[in-house]
Structures are given as C-alpha cells and as structure tokens.
C-alpha cells in the first residue's frame, strides 16, 4: 500500500495535479508501484470496459528549489507521455 503523509495538492494546470510530499525521497521508488496499482485495479467493476493508466514525472529536491523541482517533474512527465504513456520517468 502506498501512503502519503502531510500531502499537499498543487495544480499547475487543469489536467496535471502534482502531489507534493515533505521528505519524499522515496517517491521515486513508490511511483512505479502507484502506476502499477492503477493499471491493475478492477476498474471495469465500476464501469464496464473502463481501463485507466497513468504517466508520471517525478523529481525530488529541497523545499526552496520548488520551481526547479516542478520544472524537472514536468519535463519528466512529458518524457513519460512521449515514451508511450503508462510510464514513470524520474529526473
């Protein structure tokens, strides 16, 4: 199970919310598990034929470096989408 402590949701755009975690060094390791959990969930129980996947860009850094961390995560997200979607790319 993946848990988040003290999460904050930042929305730089309408489509791409960004979860921000304090002390999130482990997020690079946990993001692939989250991607897999979404892909493997029995979504069709909620709506027949429904299948969901996620692409994620992950970056970590110091609190004062938030704009740079967000820019790296955004670039990684577009790299994940460009590589075929349903992927996690970290920077």
Protein backbone atom coordinates (compact mmCIF):
# COMPACT_ATOMS: atom_id res chain seq x y z
CA UNK A 1 0.00 0.00 0.00
CA UNK A 2 1.22 3.48 -0.81
CA UNK A 3 0.57 6.16 1.77
CA UNK A 4 1.32 9.86 1.85
CA UNK A 5 1.94 11.84 4.99
CA UNK A 6 1.07 15.53 5.05
CA UNK A 7 0.17 15.71 1.34
CA UNK A 8 -0.38 18.97 -0.46
CA UNK A 9 -2.02 19.15 -3.87
CA UNK A 10 -0.66 21.76 -6.26
CA UNK A 11 -2.43 22.26 -9.58
CA UNK A 12 -0.18 23.90 -12.18
CA UNK A 13 -2.75 23.05 -14.87
CA UNK A 14 -6.26 21.70 -15.09
CA UNK A 15 -5.17 18.21 -16.07
CA UNK A 16 -2.00 17.59 -14.08
CA UNK A 17 -2.29 17.82 -10.29
CA UNK A 18 1.03 17.45 -8.51
CA UNK A 19 1.21 15.76 -5.11
CA UNK A 20 3.97 17.29 -3.03
CA UNK A 21 5.33 15.42 -0.01
CA UNK A 22 7.73 16.59 2.63
CA UNK A 23 10.67 14.21 2.92
CA UNK A 24 9.64 12.48 -0.31
CA UNK A 25 12.93 10.90 -1.27
CA UNK A 26 11.12 7.56 -1.53
CA UNK A 27 8.61 8.85 -4.10
CA UNK A 28 10.95 7.94 -6.96
CA UNK A 29 10.71 4.32 -5.78
CA UNK A 30 6.98 4.34 -4.94
CA UNK A 31 5.71 5.99 -8.15
CA UNK A 32 6.09 2.83 -10.28
CA UNK A 33 4.07 0.89 -7.69
CA UNK A 34 1.32 3.52 -7.85
CA UNK A 35 1.32 3.30 -11.66
CA UNK A 36 1.03 -0.47 -11.48
CA UNK A 37 -1.77 -0.32 -8.87
CA UNK A 38 -3.83 1.99 -11.09
CA UNK A 39 -3.24 -0.20 -14.15
CA UNK A 40 -4.13 -3.44 -12.32
CA UNK A 41 -7.20 -2.14 -10.45
CA UNK A 42 -10.52 -3.73 -11.49
CA UNK A 43 -11.93 -0.53 -12.97
CA UNK A 44 -14.44 -2.48 -15.06
CA UNK A 45 -16.30 -3.25 -11.81
CA UNK A 46 -17.15 0.46 -11.72
CA UNK A 47 -17.84 0.87 -15.43
CA UNK A 48 -17.74 -2.00 -17.93
CA UNK A 49 -14.69 -1.79 -20.18
CA UNK A 50 -13.07 1.03 -18.20
CA UNK A 51 -9.27 0.89 -18.12
CA UNK A 52 -7.09 3.56 -16.54
CA UNK A 53 -3.36 4.12 -16.68
CA UNK A 54 -1.13 6.94 -15.51
CA UNK A 55 2.01 8.60 -16.69
CA UNK A 56 4.11 10.37 -14.10
CA UNK A 57 7.10 12.62 -13.97
CA UNK A 58 8.91 12.52 -10.64
CA UNK A 59 11.55 14.79 -9.22
CA UNK A 60 12.83 15.49 -5.73
CA UNK A 61 14.70 18.39 -4.24
CA UNK A 62 14.91 20.89 -1.43
CA UNK A 63 11.87 22.93 -0.40
CA UNK A 64 13.47 26.17 -1.56
CA UNK A 65 14.03 24.68 -5.01
CA UNK A 66 10.33 24.05 -5.69
CA UNK A 67 10.17 25.86 -9.07
CA UNK A 68 13.17 23.87 -10.37
CA UNK A 69 11.83 20.59 -8.95
CA UNK A 70 8.43 21.23 -10.55
CA UNK A 71 10.08 22.05 -13.89
CA UNK A 72 12.07 18.80 -13.81
CA UNK A 73 8.97 16.80 -12.87
CA UNK A 74 7.01 18.45 -15.69
CA UNK A 75 9.75 17.63 -18.22
CA UNK A 76 9.82 14.04 -16.93
CA UNK A 77 6.03 13.79 -17.30
CA UNK A 78 6.22 14.82 -20.95
CA UNK A 79 9.06 12.33 -21.46
CA UNK A 80 6.82 9.59 -19.97
CA UNK A 81 3.96 10.54 -22.27
CA UNK A 82 6.31 10.72 -25.25
CA UNK A 83 7.69 7.25 -24.48
CA UNK A 84 4.29 5.69 -24.92
CA UNK A 85 2.36 6.68 -21.79
CA UNK A 86 1.65 4.47 -18.76
CA UNK A 87 5.19 5.08 -17.54
CA UNK A 88 7.09 6.76 -14.74
CA UNK A 89 10.09 8.88 -15.60
CA UNK A 90 12.21 10.45 -12.88
CA UNK A 91 14.73 13.24 -13.13
